[in-house]
Amino acid sequence: MKLHIVLVEPEIPQNTGNISRTCAATGCALHLVRPLGFEITDKHLKRAGLDYWQYLELYYHDSLDEVFTKYYNGSNFYFMSTKGAKIYSNATFKDGDFLIFGKESHGLPEPLLKEHYAETLRIPMLSEIRSLNLSNSVALTVYEALRQNDFEGFLFEGALTGRND
């Protein structure tokens, strides 16, 4: 199963680095929508991604409209927001889906969420908490999608060899 993670104007290099590592470990493609709040050569970004950069399928886009034009087919985009219509684990994820996350400080634009409300997902949390960390939100959602698809394409080599790293 292949997912596409889209970060719209990410601001914190460590989050993007952690998300890069998650994408490399799960075979997800990572799409970064400019402007970025950091330089791609940022040492914090590189450090958070460790030595997994060669395993990452990475794309850059100048706008979210560009992502829509290239990839949107009417049913393959999910928009992540604290204002989501349904809980992320109630969505039915499939191969080729795009999971779209907004910038850390503001999330996705309100007009976009209103236009795609039925495809807007949220992660449950206590009402007094504003939001989860972006990299945690990506990891939760990616692994739920993989779980729903029985971790298709993943070998559980570590379970057979006794490795637990």
N, C-alpha and C. Protein backbone atom coordinates (compact mmCIF):
# COMPACT_ATOMS: atom_id res chain seq x y z
N MET A 1 0.85 -1.19 0.00
CA MET A 1 0.00 0.00 0.00
C MET A 1 0.89 1.24 0.00
N LYS A 2 0.52 2.18 -0.83
CA LYS A 2 1.30 3.43 -0.93
C LYS A 2 0.40 4.61 -0.60
N LEU A 3 0.82 5.38 0.39
CA LEU A 3 0.14 6.61 0.75
C LEU A 3 1.01 7.80 0.36
N HIS A 4 0.36 8.94 0.23
CA HIS A 4 1.06 10.20 -0.05
C HIS A 4 0.75 11.14 1.10
N ILE A 5 1.79 11.63 1.74
CA ILE A 5 1.66 12.59 2.84
C ILE A 5 1.99 13.97 2.28
N VAL A 6 1.07 14.90 2.45
CA VAL A 6 1.25 16.26 1.95
C VAL A 6 1.33 17.21 3.15
N LEU A 7 2.43 17.92 3.25
CA LEU A 7 2.59 18.94 4.29
C LEU A 7 2.49 20.30 3.62
N VAL A 8 1.46 21.05 3.98
CA VAL A 8 1.23 22.36 3.39
C VAL A 8 1.94 23.41 4.25
N GLU A 9 2.97 24.00 3.67
CA GLU A 9 3.74 25.08 4.31
C GLU A 9 4.24 24.70 5.71
N PRO A 10 4.93 23.57 5.85
CA PRO A 10 5.43 23.20 7.17
C PRO A 10 6.41 24.24 7.70
N GLU A 11 6.38 24.42 9.03
CA GLU A 11 7.16 25.49 9.64
C GLU A 11 8.33 25.01 10.50
N ILE A 12 8.25 23.81 11.03
CA ILE A 12 9.24 23.34 12.01
C ILE A 12 10.07 22.22 11.39
N PRO A 13 11.37 22.44 11.22
CA PRO A 13 12.19 21.44 10.54
C PRO A 13 12.22 20.08 11.24
N GLN A 14 12.21 20.06 12.56
CA GLN A 14 12.24 18.78 13.26
C GLN A 14 11.00 17.95 12.98
N ASN A 15 9.84 18.59 12.89
CA ASN A 15 8.62 17.86 12.54
C ASN A 15 8.74 17.25 11.15
N THR A 16 9.19 18.04 10.20
CA THR A 16 9.32 17.54 8.83
C THR A 16 10.35 16.43 8.77
N GLY A 17 11.43 16.54 9.53
CA GLY A 17 12.43 15.48 9.59
C GLY A 17 11.85 14.19 10.15
N ASN A 18 11.08 14.30 11.24
CA ASN A 18 10.44 13.11 11.82
C ASN A 18 9.44 12.49 10.85
N ILE A 19 8.69 13.32 10.17
CA ILE A 19 7.72 12.83 9.19
C ILE A 19 8.44 12.16 8.03
N SER A 20 9.58 12.72 7.63
CA SER A 20 10.38 12.10 6.56
C SER A 20 10.79 10.70 6.96
N ARG A 21 11.20 10.56 8.21
CA ARG A 21 11.61 9.23 8.70
C ARG A 21 10.43 8.27 8.70
N THR A 22 9.26 8.72 9.15
CA THR A 22 8.05 7.88 9.12
C THR A 22 7.73 7.47 7.69
N CYS A 23 7.82 8.41 6.77
CA CYS A 23 7.53 8.10 5.36
C CYS A 23 8.53 7.08 4.81
N ALA A 24 9.79 7.24 5.13
CA ALA A 24 10.80 6.30 4.66
C ALA A 24 10.53 4.90 5.22
N ALA A 25 10.15 4.82 6.48
CA ALA A 25 9.92 3.53 7.13
C ALA A 25 8.66 2.83 6.65
N THR A 26 7.72 3.59 6.08
CA THR A 26 6.44 3.02 5.68
C THR A 26 6.21 3.03 4.18
N GLY A 27 7.16 3.56 3.43
CA GLY A 27 7.01 3.60 1.98
C GLY A 27 6.08 4.67 1.47
N CYS A 28 5.77 5.64 2.31
CA CYS A 28 4.91 6.75 1.88
C CYS A 28 5.73 7.78 1.11
N ALA A 29 5.10 8.39 0.13
CA ALA A 29 5.72 9.53 -0.56
C ALA A 29 5.43 10.78 0.27
N LEU A 30 6.39 11.69 0.32
CA LEU A 30 6.23 12.94 1.04
C LEU A 30 6.21 14.08 0.04
N HIS A 31 5.16 14.91 0.14
CA HIS A 31 4.99 16.08 -0.71
C HIS A 31 5.07 17.31 0.17
N LEU A 32 6.00 18.21 -0.12
CA LEU A 32 6.14 19.45 0.62
C LEU A 32 5.65 20.61 -0.24
N VAL A 33 4.70 21.37 0.31
CA VAL A 33 4.12 22.50 -0.40
C VAL A 33 4.75 23.78 0.13
N ARG A 34 5.37 24.54 -0.76
CA ARG A 34 6.02 25.80 -0.41
C ARG A 34 5.00 26.90 -0.14
N PRO A 35 5.41 27.90 0.65
CA PRO A 35 6.75 28.12 1.19
C PRO A 35 6.99 27.26 2.43
N LEU A 36 8.23 26.83 2.58
CA LEU A 36 8.65 26.08 3.75
C LEU A 36 9.16 27.07 4.79
N GLY A 37 8.98 26.76 6.04
CA GLY A 37 9.43 27.64 7.11
C GLY A 37 10.88 27.41 7.50
N PHE A 38 11.64 26.78 6.64
CA PHE A 38 13.04 26.43 6.91
C PHE A 38 13.70 26.11 5.58
N GLU A 39 15.00 26.03 5.61
CA GLU A 39 15.77 25.61 4.43
C GLU A 39 15.83 24.09 4.44
N ILE A 40 15.76 23.48 3.30
CA ILE A 40 15.79 22.02 3.21
C ILE A 40 17.13 21.46 3.69
N THR A 41 18.13 22.30 3.76
CA THR A 41 19.44 21.88 4.26
C THR A 41 19.57 22.05 5.77
N ASP A 42 18.51 22.49 6.44
CA ASP A 42 18.54 22.74 7.88
C ASP A 42 19.07 21.53 8.64
N LYS A 43 20.00 21.75 9.56
CA LYS A 43 20.62 20.64 10.29
C LYS A 43 19.61 19.91 11.18
N HIS A 44 18.59 20.60 11.69
CA HIS A 44 17.58 19.96 12.52
C HIS A 44 16.70 19.03 11.68
N LEU A 45 16.41 19.46 10.47
CA LEU A 45 15.64 18.63 9.55
C LEU A 45 16.43 17.36 9.23
N LYS A 46 17.66 17.52 8.86
CA LYS A 46 18.51 16.37 8.49
C LYS A 46 18.70 15.43 9.68
N ARG A 47 18.93 16.00 10.86
CA ARG A 47 19.17 15.16 12.04
C ARG A 47 17.92 14.35 12.38
N ALA A 48 16.74 14.97 12.34
CA ALA A 48 15.51 14.25 12.68
C ALA A 48 15.23 13.13 11.70
N GLY A 49 15.62 13.31 10.44
CA GLY A 49 15.42 12.27 9.43
C GLY A 49 16.48 11.20 9.46
N LEU A 50 17.52 11.42 10.27
CA LEU A 50 18.65 10.50 10.41
C LEU A 50 19.23 10.14 9.06
N ASP A 51 19.56 8.89 8.88
CA ASP A 51 20.20 8.49 7.63
C ASP A 51 19.22 7.79 6.69
N TYR A 52 17.95 8.17 6.75
CA TYR A 52 16.92 7.55 5.93
C TYR A 52 16.57 8.33 4.67
N TRP A 53 17.26 9.43 4.43
CA TRP A 53 16.89 10.29 3.31
C TRP A 53 16.93 9.56 1.98
N GLN A 54 17.85 8.60 1.81
CA GLN A 54 17.94 7.90 0.52
C GLN A 54 16.74 7.00 0.27
N TYR A 55 15.96 6.71 1.31
CA TYR A 55 14.78 5.84 1.16
C TYR A 55 13.50 6.64 0.95
N LEU A 56 13.60 7.95 0.95
CA LEU A 56 12.42 8.81 0.90
C LEU A 56 12.09 9.22 -0.53
N GLU A 57 10.83 9.06 -0.88
CA GLU A 57 10.30 9.58 -2.15
C GLU A 57 9.74 10.97 -1.84
N LEU A 58 10.43 12.00 -2.32
CA LEU A 58 10.15 13.37 -1.92
C LEU A 58 9.80 14.23 -3.13
N TYR A 59 8.72 15.01 -2.99
CA TYR A 59 8.27 15.91 -4.03
C TYR A 59 8.10 17.31 -3.45
N TYR A 60 8.36 18.31 -4.26
CA TYR A 60 8.14 19.71 -3.87
C TYR A 60 7.08 20.30 -4.80
N HIS A 61 6.22 21.12 -4.22
CA HIS A 61 5.16 21.79 -4.99
C HIS A 61 5.13 23.25 -4.58
N ASP A 62 4.80 24.10 -5.54
CA ASP A 62 4.74 25.54 -5.26
C ASP A 62 3.41 25.97 -4.65
N SER A 63 2.40 25.12 -4.72
CA SER A 63 1.10 25.46 -4.14
C SER A 63 0.28 24.18 -3.96
N LEU A 64 -0.73 24.27 -3.11
CA LEU A 64 -1.65 23.15 -2.95
C LEU A 64 -2.47 22.95 -4.23
N ASP A 65 -2.75 24.03 -4.95
CA ASP A 65 -3.44 23.91 -6.24
C ASP A 65 -2.67 23.01 -7.20
N GLU A 66 -1.35 23.10 -7.17
CA GLU A 66 -0.52 22.24 -8.02
C GLU A 66 -0.73 20.77 -7.65
N VAL A 67 -0.81 20.47 -6.37
CA VAL A 67 -1.05 19.09 -5.91
C VAL A 67 -2.42 18.62 -6.40
N PHE A 68 -3.44 19.46 -6.26
CA PHE A 68 -4.78 19.12 -6.74
C PHE A 68 -4.76 18.83 -8.24
N THR A 69 -4.16 19.70 -9.00
CA THR A 69 -4.12 19.55 -10.46
C THR A 69 -3.45 18.24 -10.88
N LYS A 70 -2.37 17.89 -10.21
CA LYS A 70 -1.61 16.69 -10.58
C LYS A 70 -2.24 15.38 -10.10
N TYR A 71 -2.90 15.41 -8.92
CA TYR A 71 -3.24 14.14 -8.28
C TYR A 71 -4.69 13.93 -7.87
N TYR A 72 -5.48 14.97 -7.76
CA TYR A 72 -6.83 14.82 -7.22
C TYR A 72 -7.75 14.13 -8.22
N ASN A 73 -8.44 13.06 -7.75
CA ASN A 73 -9.39 12.38 -8.63
C ASN A 73 -10.81 12.41 -8.09
N GLY A 74 -11.04 13.24 -7.06
CA GLY A 74 -12.37 13.38 -6.51
C GLY A 74 -12.64 12.54 -5.28
N SER A 75 -11.79 11.54 -5.02
CA SER A 75 -12.05 10.69 -3.85
C SER A 75 -10.78 10.21 -3.14
N ASN A 76 -9.64 10.74 -3.51
CA ASN A 76 -8.39 10.21 -2.96
C ASN A 76 -7.67 11.16 -2.01
N PHE A 77 -8.32 12.24 -1.60
CA PHE A 77 -7.70 13.20 -0.68
C PHE A 77 -8.45 13.19 0.65
N TYR A 78 -7.69 13.16 1.74
CA TYR A 78 -8.23 13.36 3.08
C TYR A 78 -7.52 14.56 3.69
N PHE A 79 -8.27 15.41 4.34
CA PHE A 79 -7.75 16.64 4.93
C PHE A 79 -7.80 16.49 6.45
N MET A 80 -6.66 16.66 7.09
CA MET A 80 -6.56 16.46 8.53
C MET A 80 -6.72 17.79 9.26
N SER A 81 -7.65 17.81 10.24
CA SER A 81 -7.92 19.04 10.97
C SER A 81 -8.59 18.72 12.30
N THR A 82 -8.38 19.56 13.29
CA THR A 82 -9.11 19.42 14.56
C THR A 82 -10.59 19.70 14.35
N LYS A 83 -10.96 20.26 13.20
CA LYS A 83 -12.36 20.58 12.89
C LYS A 83 -12.98 19.53 11.96
N GLY A 84 -12.40 18.35 11.92
CA GLY A 84 -12.82 17.31 10.98
C GLY A 84 -14.22 16.80 11.20
N ALA A 85 -14.82 16.33 10.11
CA ALA A 85 -16.18 15.80 10.12
C ALA A 85 -16.24 14.44 10.80
N LYS A 86 -15.21 13.63 10.66
CA LYS A 86 -15.24 12.30 11.26
C LYS A 86 -13.87 11.94 11.81
N ILE A 87 -13.87 10.94 12.65
CA ILE A 87 -12.65 10.47 13.28
C ILE A 87 -11.82 9.71 12.25
N TYR A 88 -10.52 9.94 12.26
CA TYR A 88 -9.61 9.37 11.26
C TYR A 88 -9.72 7.86 11.15
N SER A 89 -9.95 7.16 12.25
CA SER A 89 -10.01 5.70 12.21
C SER A 89 -11.31 5.19 11.60
N ASN A 90 -12.29 6.06 11.37
CA ASN A 90 -13.53 5.67 10.71
C ASN A 90 -13.48 5.85 9.20
N ALA A 91 -12.41 6.46 8.71
CA ALA A 91 -12.24 6.58 7.25
C ALA A 91 -11.79 5.23 6.71
N THR A 92 -12.03 5.00 5.43
CA THR A 92 -11.56 3.78 4.78
C THR A 92 -10.44 4.16 3.84
N PHE A 93 -9.22 3.90 4.27
CA PHE A 93 -8.04 4.28 3.50
C PHE A 93 -7.73 3.22 2.45
N LYS A 94 -7.23 3.70 1.30
CA LYS A 94 -6.88 2.78 0.21
C LYS A 94 -5.57 3.20 -0.44
N ASP A 95 -5.02 2.31 -1.19
CA ASP A 95 -3.78 2.55 -1.90
C ASP A 95 -3.89 3.83 -2.74
N GLY A 96 -2.88 4.67 -2.64
CA GLY A 96 -2.84 5.89 -3.43
C GLY A 96 -3.49 7.10 -2.79
N ASP A 97 -4.04 6.95 -1.59
CA ASP A 97 -4.67 8.10 -0.93
C ASP A 97 -3.63 9.16 -0.55
N PHE A 98 -4.10 10.40 -0.51
CA PHE A 98 -3.30 11.54 -0.09
C PHE A 98 -3.84 12.02 1.25
N LEU A 99 -2.96 12.15 2.24
CA LEU A 99 -3.31 12.67 3.55
C LEU A 99 -2.69 14.06 3.66
N ILE A 100 -3.53 15.07 3.77
CA ILE A 100 -3.07 16.45 3.69
C ILE A 100 -3.12 17.11 5.06
N PHE A 101 -1.97 17.63 5.48
CA PHE A 101 -1.81 18.26 6.78
C PHE A 101 -1.40 19.71 6.60
N GLY A 102 -1.94 20.59 7.44
CA GLY A 102 -1.62 22.00 7.37
C GLY A 102 -0.40 22.37 8.21
N LYS A 103 -0.05 23.62 8.13
CA LYS A 103 1.10 24.12 8.88
C LYS A 103 0.83 24.07 10.39
N GLU A 104 1.90 23.96 11.15
CA GLU A 104 1.79 23.78 12.59
C GLU A 104 1.01 24.89 13.28
N SER A 105 1.18 26.13 12.87
CA SER A 105 0.57 27.26 13.58
C SER A 105 -0.90 27.51 13.24
N HIS A 106 -1.35 27.12 12.05
CA HIS A 106 -2.70 27.46 11.62
C HIS A 106 -3.50 26.32 11.01
N GLY A 107 -2.87 25.19 10.74
CA GLY A 107 -3.60 24.12 10.08
C GLY A 107 -3.89 24.44 8.63
N LEU A 108 -4.91 23.80 8.10
CA LEU A 108 -5.33 24.03 6.71
C LEU A 108 -6.29 25.21 6.66
N PRO A 109 -6.35 25.90 5.52
CA PRO A 109 -7.24 27.06 5.38
C PRO A 109 -8.71 26.68 5.54
N GLU A 110 -9.47 27.52 6.25
CA GLU A 110 -10.90 27.28 6.50
C GLU A 110 -11.71 27.06 5.22
N PRO A 111 -11.51 27.87 4.16
CA PRO A 111 -12.30 27.65 2.95
C PRO A 111 -12.07 26.24 2.35
N LEU A 112 -10.85 25.76 2.41
CA LEU A 112 -10.54 24.41 1.92
C LEU A 112 -11.27 23.36 2.74
N LEU A 113 -11.26 23.51 4.05
CA LEU A 113 -11.95 22.56 4.93
C LEU A 113 -13.45 22.57 4.70
N LYS A 114 -14.02 23.76 4.52
CA LYS A 114 -15.46 23.85 4.26
C LYS A 114 -15.83 23.18 2.94
N GLU A 115 -15.00 23.37 1.94
CA GLU A 115 -15.26 22.79 0.61
C GLU A 115 -15.16 21.26 0.64
N HIS A 116 -14.32 20.74 1.50
CA HIS A 116 -14.07 19.28 1.56
C HIS A 116 -14.42 18.72 2.93
N TYR A 117 -15.47 19.24 3.55
CA TYR A 117 -15.79 18.85 4.92
C TYR A 117 -16.00 17.35 5.07
N ALA A 118 -16.65 16.70 4.13
CA ALA A 118 -16.92 15.26 4.22
C ALA A 118 -15.64 14.43 4.20
N GLU A 119 -14.56 14.99 3.67
CA GLU A 119 -13.27 14.29 3.60
C GLU A 119 -12.28 14.82 4.64
N THR A 120 -12.78 15.58 5.60
CA THR A 120 -11.92 16.15 6.63
C THR A 120 -11.98 15.26 7.87
N LEU A 121 -10.81 14.83 8.32
CA LEU A 121 -10.70 13.88 9.42
C LEU A 121 -10.07 14.54 10.63
N ARG A 122 -10.42 14.05 11.81
CA ARG A 122 -9.83 14.56 13.05
C ARG A 122 -9.35 13.40 13.90
N ILE A 123 -8.40 13.71 14.75
CA ILE A 123 -7.90 12.76 15.74
C ILE A 123 -8.52 13.18 17.08
N PRO A 124 -9.22 12.28 17.75
CA PRO A 124 -9.86 12.66 19.02
C PRO A 124 -8.84 13.06 20.08
N MET A 125 -9.20 14.07 20.84
CA MET A 125 -8.37 14.51 21.97
C MET A 125 -9.27 15.28 22.93
N LEU A 126 -8.78 15.53 24.10
CA LEU A 126 -9.54 16.28 25.09
C LEU A 126 -9.83 17.69 24.56
N SER A 127 -10.99 18.22 24.90
CA SER A 127 -11.43 19.50 24.34
C SER A 127 -10.54 20.68 24.73
N GLU A 128 -9.87 20.61 25.88
CA GLU A 128 -9.03 21.74 26.29
C GLU A 128 -7.67 21.75 25.62
N ILE A 129 -7.36 20.72 24.83
CA ILE A 129 -6.08 20.64 24.12
C ILE A 129 -6.29 21.14 22.69
N ARG A 130 -5.43 22.04 22.25
CA ARG A 130 -5.58 22.67 20.93
C ARG A 130 -5.30 21.69 19.80
N SER A 131 -4.17 20.95 19.89
CA SER A 131 -3.83 20.03 18.80
C SER A 131 -2.68 19.13 19.23
N LEU A 132 -2.48 18.09 18.47
CA LEU A 132 -1.33 17.21 18.65
C LEU A 132 -0.16 17.73 17.82
N ASN A 133 1.02 17.24 18.12
CA ASN A 133 2.19 17.54 17.31
C ASN A 133 1.97 17.00 15.89
N LEU A 134 2.40 17.74 14.91
CA LEU A 134 2.21 17.37 13.51
C LEU A 134 2.80 16.00 13.19
N SER A 135 4.02 15.74 13.62
CA SER A 135 4.63 14.46 13.28
C SER A 135 3.90 13.30 13.95
N ASN A 136 3.37 13.51 15.15
CA ASN A 136 2.57 12.47 15.80
C ASN A 136 1.27 12.23 15.03
N SER A 137 0.65 13.30 14.57
CA SER A 137 -0.60 13.17 13.81
C SER A 137 -0.39 12.39 12.52
N VAL A 138 0.70 12.68 11.84
CA VAL A 138 1.01 11.94 10.60
C VAL A 138 1.22 10.47 10.93
N ALA A 139 2.02 10.17 11.95
CA ALA A 139 2.31 8.78 12.28
C ALA A 139 1.04 8.01 12.65
N LEU A 140 0.18 8.61 13.48
CA LEU A 140 -1.07 7.95 13.85
C LEU A 140 -1.90 7.60 12.62
N THR A 141 -2.05 8.56 11.73
CA THR A 141 -2.90 8.38 10.56
C THR A 141 -2.30 7.36 9.59
N VAL A 142 -1.01 7.45 9.34
CA VAL A 142 -0.35 6.50 8.43
C VAL A 142 -0.50 5.08 8.95
N TYR A 143 -0.22 4.87 10.21
CA TYR A 143 -0.29 3.51 10.75
C TYR A 143 -1.72 2.99 10.83
N GLU A 144 -2.71 3.86 11.00
CA GLU A 144 -4.10 3.41 10.93
C GLU A 144 -4.42 2.96 9.51
N ALA A 145 -4.00 3.70 8.52
CA ALA A 145 -4.24 3.31 7.12
C ALA A 145 -3.56 1.97 6.81
N LEU A 146 -2.33 1.81 7.27
CA LEU A 146 -1.63 0.54 7.05
C LEU A 146 -2.31 -0.60 7.79
N ARG A 147 -2.75 -0.37 9.01
CA ARG A 147 -3.45 -1.41 9.78
C ARG A 147 -4.71 -1.86 9.07
N GLN A 148 -5.48 -0.89 8.56
CA GLN A 148 -6.71 -1.22 7.84
C GLN A 148 -6.44 -2.11 6.63
N ASN A 149 -5.27 -1.99 6.07
CA ASN A 149 -4.91 -2.76 4.88
C ASN A 149 -3.96 -3.92 5.23
N ASP A 150 -4.05 -4.38 6.48
CA ASP A 150 -3.27 -5.53 6.97
C ASP A 150 -1.77 -5.39 6.74
N PHE A 151 -1.28 -4.17 6.77
CA PHE A 151 0.15 -3.91 6.58
C PHE A 151 0.66 -4.57 5.30
N GLU A 152 -0.17 -4.47 4.28
CA GLU A 152 0.16 -5.06 2.97
C GLU A 152 1.53 -4.60 2.49
N GLY A 153 2.34 -5.56 2.10
CA GLY A 153 3.66 -5.26 1.57
C GLY A 153 4.75 -5.18 2.62
N PHE A 154 4.39 -5.34 3.89
CA PHE A 154 5.38 -5.28 4.96
C PHE A 154 5.76 -6.69 5.40
N LEU A 155 7.03 -6.93 5.50
CA LEU A 155 7.53 -8.18 6.05
C LEU A 155 7.81 -7.97 7.52
N PHE A 156 7.50 -8.94 8.30
CA PHE A 156 7.73 -8.82 9.73
C PHE A 156 8.97 -9.59 10.12
N GLU A 157 10.07 -9.22 9.47
CA GLU A 157 11.34 -9.90 9.65
C GLU A 157 11.81 -9.85 11.10
N GLY A 158 11.64 -8.71 11.75
CA GLY A 158 12.10 -8.57 13.13
C GLY A 158 11.45 -9.57 14.06
N ALA A 159 10.17 -9.88 13.82
CA ALA A 159 9.47 -10.84 14.67
C ALA A 159 10.06 -12.24 14.52
N LEU A 160 10.61 -12.54 13.36
CA LEU A 160 11.18 -13.85 13.12
C LEU A 160 12.62 -13.96 13.61
N THR A 161 13.33 -12.87 13.59
CA THR A 161 14.75 -12.91 13.94
C THR A 161 15.01 -12.53 15.39
N GLY A 162 13.99 -12.05 16.08
CA GLY A 162 14.19 -11.64 17.45
C GLY A 162 14.66 -10.20 17.59
N ARG A 163 14.85 -9.51 16.45
CA ARG A 163 15.22 -8.09 16.51
C ARG A 163 14.05 -7.29 17.03
N ASN A 164 14.35 -6.30 17.80
CA ASN A 164 13.26 -5.45 18.27
C ASN A 164 13.62 -3.98 18.13
N ASP A 165 14.30 -3.64 17.05
CA ASP A 165 14.64 -2.23 16.82
C ASP A 165 13.80 -1.74 15.72
